[in-house]
Amino acid sequence: MKTRFLITVAAVAATLSPVVAQAQTRELERDRREVRDERRDLRDAQRYGDRRDVREAREDYREAKREYREDWRDYKQRNRNAFRGGRFDAPFRYRSFNSGVSIGTSYYAPRYRVNNYSSYRLPQPGRYQTYVRHYNDVLLVNTRTGRVVQVYRGFYW
């Protein structure tokens, strides 16, 4: 009797696991879309609105970004194994990069690129951009100029 119960519980858990992951992904996509919409509203308010409109749009934009970060943190926490980085060997030492900094081509060589960015729920990189692993961080780099576009610190565990 206990064995049958355990098998049933395991089957239900295996069935619900992909559903939960899919719901989390939809939530992240919805939040990302809200951030884009709020950024557009902020730009419109800056062009055509008064100070009160700009202030409200800025608050809405900040709130949308905060919600997205919280949902992203929750997703990452629930899926810890997906973000287990493993060993990282590089001929250079760790440096903490900020957005806008130029880096050398050795930092974004093909062996350091993150090609499976969609499995990490990262946004699709733009033209001439690529995600690069730098120890436990992930950098979005413009490959034409060598500039860091965005930094995801502590991305891997």
N, C-alpha and C. Protein backbone atom coordinates (compact mmCIF):
# COMPACT_ATOMS: atom_id res chain seq x y z
N MET A 1 0.83 -1.20 0.00
CA MET A 1 0.00 0.00 0.00
C MET A 1 0.87 1.25 0.00
N LYS A 2 1.92 1.28 0.86
CA LYS A 2 2.80 2.44 0.90
C LYS A 2 3.54 2.61 -0.42
N THR A 3 3.94 1.51 -1.02
CA THR A 3 4.66 1.57 -2.27
C THR A 3 3.79 2.19 -3.36
N ARG A 4 2.54 1.79 -3.42
CA ARG A 4 1.63 2.32 -4.42
C ARG A 4 1.42 3.83 -4.20
N PHE A 5 1.31 4.23 -2.94
CA PHE A 5 1.15 5.65 -2.61
C PHE A 5 2.38 6.45 -3.05
N LEU A 6 3.58 5.93 -2.75
CA LEU A 6 4.81 6.61 -3.14
C LEU A 6 4.95 6.72 -4.65
N ILE A 7 4.58 5.69 -5.36
CA ILE A 7 4.63 5.72 -6.82
C ILE A 7 3.66 6.77 -7.36
N THR A 8 2.47 6.84 -6.78
CA THR A 8 1.48 7.83 -7.21
C THR A 8 1.98 9.24 -6.94
N VAL A 9 2.55 9.46 -5.76
CA VAL A 9 3.07 10.79 -5.42
C VAL A 9 4.21 11.17 -6.37
N ALA A 10 5.09 10.22 -6.67
CA ALA A 10 6.21 10.50 -7.58
C ALA A 10 5.70 10.82 -8.98
N ALA A 11 4.67 10.11 -9.43
CA ALA A 11 4.12 10.37 -10.76
C ALA A 11 3.48 11.75 -10.83
N VAL A 12 2.76 12.14 -9.80
CA VAL A 12 2.15 13.47 -9.76
C VAL A 12 3.22 14.55 -9.74
N ALA A 13 4.26 14.35 -8.94
CA ALA A 13 5.34 15.34 -8.87
C ALA A 13 6.05 15.48 -10.22
N ALA A 14 6.29 14.36 -10.88
CA ALA A 14 6.95 14.41 -12.19
C ALA A 14 6.08 15.10 -13.23
N THR A 15 4.78 14.97 -13.10
CA THR A 15 3.87 15.62 -14.03
C THR A 15 3.79 17.11 -13.78
N LEU A 16 3.79 17.52 -12.52
CA LEU A 16 3.63 18.94 -12.19
C LEU A 16 4.91 19.75 -12.34
N SER A 17 6.07 19.12 -12.27
CA SER A 17 7.34 19.84 -12.33
C SER A 17 7.49 20.68 -13.61
N PRO A 18 7.24 20.12 -14.82
CA PRO A 18 7.34 20.96 -16.02
C PRO A 18 6.30 22.07 -16.05
N VAL A 19 5.13 21.82 -15.48
CA VAL A 19 4.08 22.84 -15.47
C VAL A 19 4.51 24.03 -14.63
N VAL A 20 5.14 23.76 -13.47
CA VAL A 20 5.61 24.84 -12.60
C VAL A 20 6.71 25.63 -13.30
N ALA A 21 7.65 24.94 -13.94
CA ALA A 21 8.74 25.64 -14.65
C ALA A 21 8.19 26.49 -15.78
N GLN A 22 7.19 25.99 -16.48
CA GLN A 22 6.60 26.75 -17.58
C GLN A 22 5.87 27.98 -17.05
N ALA A 23 5.19 27.85 -15.92
CA ALA A 23 4.50 29.00 -15.32
C ALA A 23 5.51 30.06 -14.89
N GLN A 24 6.65 29.63 -14.34
CA GLN A 24 7.68 30.58 -13.94
C GLN A 24 8.22 31.31 -15.17
N THR A 25 8.42 30.59 -16.25
CA THR A 25 8.93 31.20 -17.47
C THR A 25 7.94 32.21 -18.01
N ARG A 26 6.67 31.87 -18.01
CA ARG A 26 5.65 32.81 -18.49
C ARG A 26 5.63 34.07 -17.63
N GLU A 27 5.81 33.89 -16.33
CA GLU A 27 5.81 35.03 -15.42
C GLU A 27 7.00 35.95 -15.72
N LEU A 28 8.17 35.36 -15.97
CA LEU A 28 9.34 36.17 -16.30
C LEU A 28 9.14 36.90 -17.63
N GLU A 29 8.57 36.23 -18.61
CA GLU A 29 8.30 36.88 -19.90
C GLU A 29 7.31 38.02 -19.75
N ARG A 30 6.28 37.80 -18.94
CA ARG A 30 5.29 38.87 -18.71
C ARG A 30 5.94 40.07 -18.03
N ASP A 31 6.79 39.80 -17.03
CA ASP A 31 7.47 40.89 -16.34
C ASP A 31 8.42 41.64 -17.27
N ARG A 32 9.12 40.90 -18.13
CA ARG A 32 10.03 41.54 -19.09
C ARG A 32 9.25 42.45 -20.04
N ARG A 33 8.07 41.98 -20.47
CA ARG A 33 7.21 42.78 -21.35
C ARG A 33 6.72 44.04 -20.63
N GLU A 34 6.38 43.90 -19.34
CA GLU A 34 5.95 45.06 -18.55
C GLU A 34 7.07 46.09 -18.42
N VAL A 35 8.29 45.62 -18.23
CA VAL A 35 9.42 46.55 -18.13
C VAL A 35 9.58 47.32 -19.44
N ARG A 36 9.48 46.61 -20.57
CA ARG A 36 9.58 47.28 -21.87
C ARG A 36 8.48 48.31 -22.05
N ASP A 37 7.24 47.94 -21.67
CA ASP A 37 6.11 48.87 -21.81
C ASP A 37 6.29 50.10 -20.93
N GLU A 38 6.74 49.89 -19.70
CA GLU A 38 6.94 51.02 -18.79
C GLU A 38 8.07 51.93 -19.26
N ARG A 39 9.13 51.33 -19.84
CA ARG A 39 10.22 52.14 -20.38
C ARG A 39 9.71 53.01 -21.54
N ARG A 40 8.87 52.42 -22.39
CA ARG A 40 8.28 53.18 -23.50
C ARG A 40 7.40 54.31 -22.97
N ASP A 41 6.59 54.01 -21.95
CA ASP A 41 5.73 55.04 -21.36
C ASP A 41 6.58 56.17 -20.75
N LEU A 42 7.70 55.81 -20.14
CA LEU A 42 8.58 56.83 -19.56
C LEU A 42 9.14 57.73 -20.66
N ARG A 43 9.59 57.13 -21.75
CA ARG A 43 10.11 57.95 -22.86
C ARG A 43 9.04 58.88 -23.41
N ASP A 44 7.81 58.36 -23.55
CA ASP A 44 6.72 59.21 -24.05
C ASP A 44 6.42 60.35 -23.08
N ALA A 45 6.45 60.05 -21.77
CA ALA A 45 6.19 61.09 -20.77
C ALA A 45 7.29 62.14 -20.80
N GLN A 46 8.53 61.72 -21.00
CA GLN A 46 9.63 62.68 -21.06
C GLN A 46 9.50 63.58 -22.29
N ARG A 47 8.97 63.05 -23.38
CA ARG A 47 8.81 63.85 -24.59
C ARG A 47 7.60 64.78 -24.53
N TYR A 48 6.47 64.20 -24.09
CA TYR A 48 5.20 64.91 -24.26
C TYR A 48 4.52 65.31 -22.96
N GLY A 49 4.95 64.79 -21.82
CA GLY A 49 4.23 65.03 -20.58
C GLY A 49 4.83 66.13 -19.75
N ASP A 50 4.16 66.39 -18.64
CA ASP A 50 4.69 67.36 -17.69
C ASP A 50 5.49 66.63 -16.61
N ARG A 51 5.95 67.36 -15.60
CA ARG A 51 6.80 66.76 -14.58
C ARG A 51 6.09 65.65 -13.80
N ARG A 52 4.81 65.84 -13.52
CA ARG A 52 4.07 64.84 -12.77
C ARG A 52 3.98 63.54 -13.59
N ASP A 53 3.74 63.65 -14.88
CA ASP A 53 3.67 62.47 -15.73
C ASP A 53 5.01 61.73 -15.75
N VAL A 54 6.09 62.48 -15.84
CA VAL A 54 7.41 61.87 -15.86
C VAL A 54 7.70 61.17 -14.54
N ARG A 55 7.35 61.81 -13.43
CA ARG A 55 7.59 61.22 -12.11
C ARG A 55 6.81 59.91 -11.95
N GLU A 56 5.54 59.92 -12.34
CA GLU A 56 4.73 58.71 -12.23
C GLU A 56 5.24 57.60 -13.15
N ALA A 57 5.63 57.98 -14.36
CA ALA A 57 6.15 56.99 -15.29
C ALA A 57 7.45 56.40 -14.78
N ARG A 58 8.30 57.23 -14.19
CA ARG A 58 9.56 56.75 -13.63
C ARG A 58 9.30 55.79 -12.47
N GLU A 59 8.35 56.09 -11.62
CA GLU A 59 8.01 55.19 -10.50
C GLU A 59 7.47 53.86 -11.02
N ASP A 60 6.61 53.91 -12.04
CA ASP A 60 6.07 52.68 -12.62
C ASP A 60 7.18 51.83 -13.23
N TYR A 61 8.11 52.47 -13.91
CA TYR A 61 9.23 51.77 -14.53
C TYR A 61 10.10 51.10 -13.47
N ARG A 62 10.40 51.82 -12.39
CA ARG A 62 11.20 51.24 -11.31
C ARG A 62 10.49 50.05 -10.67
N GLU A 63 9.19 50.18 -10.47
CA GLU A 63 8.42 49.09 -9.87
C GLU A 63 8.42 47.86 -10.78
N ALA A 64 8.27 48.07 -12.07
CA ALA A 64 8.28 46.94 -13.01
C ALA A 64 9.64 46.25 -13.00
N LYS A 65 10.72 47.01 -12.96
CA LYS A 65 12.06 46.42 -12.89
C LYS A 65 12.26 45.66 -11.59
N ARG A 66 11.76 46.20 -10.48
CA ARG A 66 11.87 45.54 -9.19
C ARG A 66 11.14 44.20 -9.20
N GLU A 67 9.93 44.19 -9.75
CA GLU A 67 9.17 42.94 -9.83
C GLU A 67 9.90 41.90 -10.67
N TYR A 68 10.46 42.34 -11.80
CA TYR A 68 11.18 41.41 -12.66
C TYR A 68 12.38 40.82 -11.92
N ARG A 69 13.14 41.67 -11.22
CA ARG A 69 14.30 41.17 -10.47
C ARG A 69 13.89 40.16 -9.40
N GLU A 70 12.79 40.45 -8.70
CA GLU A 70 12.32 39.53 -7.66
C GLU A 70 11.91 38.18 -8.26
N ASP A 71 11.17 38.22 -9.36
CA ASP A 71 10.76 36.97 -10.00
C ASP A 71 11.96 36.21 -10.55
N TRP A 72 12.94 36.94 -11.10
CA TRP A 72 14.15 36.30 -11.60
C TRP A 72 14.89 35.63 -10.46
N ARG A 73 15.02 36.32 -9.31
CA ARG A 73 15.69 35.74 -8.15
C ARG A 73 14.97 34.47 -7.67
N ASP A 74 13.64 34.54 -7.63
CA ASP A 74 12.87 33.36 -7.22
C ASP A 74 13.08 32.20 -8.18
N TYR A 75 13.06 32.49 -9.48
CA TYR A 75 13.27 31.44 -10.49
C TYR A 75 14.65 30.81 -10.31
N LYS A 76 15.65 31.65 -10.13
CA LYS A 76 17.02 31.16 -9.98
C LYS A 76 17.16 30.33 -8.71
N GLN A 77 16.49 30.75 -7.65
CA GLN A 77 16.56 30.02 -6.38
C GLN A 77 15.90 28.64 -6.50
N ARG A 78 14.78 28.57 -7.21
CA ARG A 78 14.06 27.30 -7.35
C ARG A 78 14.76 26.35 -8.31
N ASN A 79 15.59 26.86 -9.20
CA ASN A 79 16.27 26.03 -10.20
C ASN A 79 17.78 26.12 -10.04
N ARG A 80 18.23 25.86 -8.84
CA ARG A 80 19.65 26.01 -8.51
C ARG A 80 20.56 25.14 -9.37
N ASN A 81 20.15 23.94 -9.70
CA ASN A 81 21.01 23.05 -10.47
C ASN A 81 21.29 23.58 -11.87
N ALA A 82 20.36 24.32 -12.44
CA ALA A 82 20.57 24.88 -13.77
C ALA A 82 21.66 25.95 -13.76
N PHE A 83 21.92 26.56 -12.60
CA PHE A 83 22.88 27.65 -12.51
C PHE A 83 24.16 27.23 -11.79
N ARG A 84 24.38 25.94 -11.71
CA ARG A 84 25.61 25.45 -11.12
C ARG A 84 26.70 25.59 -12.18
N GLY A 85 27.64 26.47 -11.94
CA GLY A 85 28.60 26.86 -12.97
C GLY A 85 29.67 25.85 -13.30
N GLY A 86 30.09 25.08 -12.35
CA GLY A 86 31.19 24.17 -12.62
C GLY A 86 32.52 24.90 -12.62
N ARG A 87 33.53 24.19 -13.00
CA ARG A 87 34.89 24.74 -12.99
C ARG A 87 35.08 25.73 -14.15
N PHE A 88 35.78 26.81 -13.87
CA PHE A 88 36.06 27.83 -14.88
C PHE A 88 37.55 28.08 -14.92
N ASP A 89 38.19 27.69 -15.99
CA ASP A 89 39.62 27.91 -16.15
C ASP A 89 39.84 29.01 -17.17
N ALA A 90 40.60 30.00 -16.79
CA ALA A 90 40.90 31.10 -17.70
C ALA A 90 42.34 31.54 -17.47
N PRO A 91 42.98 32.06 -18.51
CA PRO A 91 44.37 32.51 -18.37
C PRO A 91 44.47 33.89 -17.72
N PHE A 92 43.37 34.40 -17.20
CA PHE A 92 43.39 35.72 -16.57
C PHE A 92 42.69 35.64 -15.22
N ARG A 93 42.96 36.62 -14.38
CA ARG A 93 42.36 36.65 -13.05
C ARG A 93 41.00 37.32 -13.10
N TYR A 94 40.24 37.15 -12.02
CA TYR A 94 38.91 37.76 -11.94
C TYR A 94 39.03 39.27 -11.81
N ARG A 95 38.20 39.95 -12.58
CA ARG A 95 38.04 41.41 -12.47
C ARG A 95 36.56 41.70 -12.45
N SER A 96 36.17 42.63 -11.64
CA SER A 96 34.76 43.03 -11.59
C SER A 96 34.53 44.10 -12.63
N PHE A 97 33.78 43.77 -13.68
CA PHE A 97 33.51 44.71 -14.77
C PHE A 97 32.20 45.43 -14.53
N ASN A 98 32.11 46.65 -15.04
CA ASN A 98 30.88 47.43 -15.01
C ASN A 98 30.43 47.68 -16.45
N SER A 99 29.19 48.05 -16.61
CA SER A 99 28.68 48.37 -17.93
C SER A 99 29.43 49.57 -18.49
N GLY A 100 29.71 49.52 -19.80
CA GLY A 100 30.38 50.62 -20.48
C GLY A 100 31.88 50.48 -20.57
N VAL A 101 32.46 49.52 -19.86
CA VAL A 101 33.91 49.32 -19.87
C VAL A 101 34.31 48.52 -21.11
N SER A 102 35.43 48.89 -21.72
CA SER A 102 35.96 48.10 -22.84
C SER A 102 36.81 46.98 -22.30
N ILE A 103 36.65 45.79 -22.87
CA ILE A 103 37.45 44.65 -22.44
C ILE A 103 38.16 44.07 -23.66
N GLY A 104 39.21 43.34 -23.41
CA GLY A 104 39.98 42.74 -24.49
C GLY A 104 39.26 41.56 -25.12
N THR A 105 39.66 41.24 -26.34
CA THR A 105 39.00 40.15 -27.07
C THR A 105 39.20 38.80 -26.40
N SER A 106 40.26 38.64 -25.61
CA SER A 106 40.48 37.36 -24.94
C SER A 106 39.37 37.06 -23.94
N TYR A 107 38.71 38.10 -23.42
CA TYR A 107 37.64 37.89 -22.45
C TYR A 107 36.36 37.36 -23.11
N TYR A 108 36.16 37.66 -24.38
CA TYR A 108 34.95 37.16 -25.04
C TYR A 108 35.29 36.24 -26.22
N ALA A 109 36.36 35.47 -26.03
CA ALA A 109 36.73 34.45 -27.00
C ALA A 109 35.63 33.39 -27.05
N PRO A 110 35.53 32.67 -28.15
CA PRO A 110 34.45 31.67 -28.29
C PRO A 110 34.36 30.65 -27.16
N ARG A 111 35.48 30.32 -26.53
CA ARG A 111 35.42 29.30 -25.46
C ARG A 111 34.71 29.79 -24.21
N TYR A 112 34.52 31.12 -24.05
CA TYR A 112 33.85 31.67 -22.87
C TYR A 112 32.41 32.09 -23.15
N ARG A 113 31.95 31.94 -24.37
CA ARG A 113 30.61 32.39 -24.73
C ARG A 113 29.54 31.47 -24.16
N VAL A 114 28.42 32.07 -23.78
CA VAL A 114 27.26 31.33 -23.29
C VAL A 114 26.29 31.23 -24.45
N ASN A 115 26.30 30.09 -25.12
CA ASN A 115 25.45 29.93 -26.30
C ASN A 115 24.03 29.49 -25.95
N ASN A 116 23.84 28.90 -24.79
CA ASN A 116 22.52 28.43 -24.39
C ASN A 116 21.83 29.43 -23.47
N TYR A 117 21.86 30.70 -23.84
CA TYR A 117 21.30 31.76 -23.00
C TYR A 117 19.81 31.59 -22.76
N SER A 118 19.08 31.00 -23.69
CA SER A 118 17.64 30.84 -23.50
C SER A 118 17.32 29.84 -22.40
N SER A 119 18.19 28.86 -22.18
CA SER A 119 17.94 27.91 -21.09
C SER A 119 18.14 28.58 -19.73
N TYR A 120 18.85 29.69 -19.68
CA TYR A 120 19.01 30.46 -18.45
C TYR A 120 17.99 31.58 -18.34
N ARG A 121 17.09 31.67 -19.30
CA ARG A 121 16.04 32.70 -19.34
C ARG A 121 16.63 34.11 -19.48
N LEU A 122 17.76 34.21 -20.17
CA LEU A 122 18.35 35.51 -20.47
C LEU A 122 17.71 36.06 -21.74
N PRO A 123 17.56 37.37 -21.85
CA PRO A 123 17.00 37.94 -23.07
C PRO A 123 17.92 37.67 -24.26
N GLN A 124 17.34 37.59 -25.42
CA GLN A 124 18.13 37.35 -26.62
C GLN A 124 19.09 38.53 -26.84
N PRO A 125 20.37 38.23 -27.08
CA PRO A 125 21.31 39.34 -27.28
C PRO A 125 21.04 40.04 -28.61
N GLY A 126 21.37 41.31 -28.65
CA GLY A 126 21.17 42.08 -29.87
C GLY A 126 22.21 41.72 -30.92
N ARG A 127 22.12 42.41 -32.04
CA ARG A 127 23.06 42.19 -33.12
C ARG A 127 24.46 42.57 -32.65
N TYR A 128 25.44 41.74 -32.98
CA TYR A 128 26.83 41.94 -32.59
C TYR A 128 27.02 41.91 -31.07
N GLN A 129 26.14 41.23 -30.37
CA GLN A 129 26.29 41.07 -28.92
C GLN A 129 26.33 39.59 -28.58
N THR A 130 27.01 39.27 -27.51
CA THR A 130 27.07 37.89 -27.05
C THR A 130 27.21 37.86 -25.53
N TYR A 131 26.73 36.78 -24.95
CA TYR A 131 26.90 36.57 -23.51
C TYR A 131 28.21 35.82 -23.30
N VAL A 132 28.95 36.24 -22.28
CA VAL A 132 30.25 35.67 -21.98
C VAL A 132 30.31 35.35 -20.50
N ARG A 133 30.85 34.18 -20.19
CA ARG A 133 31.05 33.82 -18.79
C ARG A 133 32.39 34.36 -18.32
N HIS A 134 32.37 35.04 -17.20
CA HIS A 134 33.60 35.52 -16.56
C HIS A 134 33.53 35.08 -15.10
N TYR A 135 34.12 33.93 -14.82
CA TYR A 135 34.03 33.27 -13.53
C TYR A 135 32.56 33.04 -13.18
N ASN A 136 32.02 33.62 -12.10
CA ASN A 136 30.62 33.39 -11.76
C ASN A 136 29.70 34.46 -12.33
N ASP A 137 30.24 35.39 -13.08
CA ASP A 137 29.45 36.46 -13.68
C ASP A 137 29.16 36.14 -15.14
N VAL A 138 28.14 36.77 -15.67
CA VAL A 138 27.86 36.72 -17.10
C VAL A 138 27.85 38.15 -17.61
N LEU A 139 28.57 38.39 -18.70
CA LEU A 139 28.65 39.71 -19.29
C LEU A 139 27.98 39.68 -20.66
N LEU A 140 27.22 40.71 -20.95
CA LEU A 140 26.70 40.90 -22.30
C LEU A 140 27.65 41.89 -22.97
N VAL A 141 28.33 41.43 -24.03
CA VAL A 141 29.40 42.21 -24.64
C VAL A 141 29.06 42.52 -26.09
N ASN A 142 29.32 43.75 -26.49
CA ASN A 142 29.23 44.14 -27.89
C ASN A 142 30.53 43.68 -28.54
N THR A 143 30.44 42.71 -29.46
CA THR A 143 31.64 42.11 -30.03
C THR A 143 32.35 43.02 -31.02
N ARG A 144 31.69 44.03 -31.51
CA ARG A 144 32.35 44.96 -32.45
C ARG A 144 33.23 45.96 -31.71
N THR A 145 32.76 46.43 -30.56
CA THR A 145 33.51 47.46 -29.84
C THR A 145 34.23 46.93 -28.61
N GLY A 146 33.83 45.77 -28.11
CA GLY A 146 34.43 45.22 -26.91
C GLY A 146 33.88 45.83 -25.63
N ARG A 147 32.80 46.58 -25.73
CA ARG A 147 32.21 47.22 -24.55
C ARG A 147 31.23 46.27 -23.87
N VAL A 148 31.24 46.32 -22.55
CA VAL A 148 30.31 45.53 -21.75
C VAL A 148 28.97 46.29 -21.73
N VAL A 149 27.91 45.62 -22.17
CA VAL A 149 26.59 46.23 -22.22
C VAL A 149 25.87 46.05 -20.90
N GLN A 150 25.95 44.83 -20.35
CA GLN A 150 25.28 44.54 -19.08
C GLN A 150 26.06 43.48 -18.32
N VAL A 151 25.98 43.55 -17.00
CA VAL A 151 26.68 42.60 -16.14
C VAL A 151 25.66 41.89 -15.26
N TYR A 152 25.72 40.58 -15.22
CA TYR A 152 24.90 39.77 -14.30
C TYR A 152 25.87 39.17 -13.29
N ARG A 153 25.99 39.81 -12.13
CA ARG A 153 26.94 39.35 -11.11
C ARG A 153 26.39 38.15 -10.34
N GLY A 154 27.30 37.25 -9.99
CA GLY A 154 26.91 36.08 -9.22
C GLY A 154 25.88 35.22 -9.94
N PHE A 155 25.99 35.15 -11.25
CA PHE A 155 25.01 34.42 -12.05
C PHE A 155 25.06 32.93 -11.75
N TYR A 156 26.25 32.39 -11.69
CA TYR A 156 26.43 30.96 -11.39
C TYR A 156 26.68 30.80 -9.90
N TRP A 157 26.29 29.66 -9.37
CA TRP A 157 26.51 29.38 -7.93
C TRP A 157 27.92 28.90 -7.72
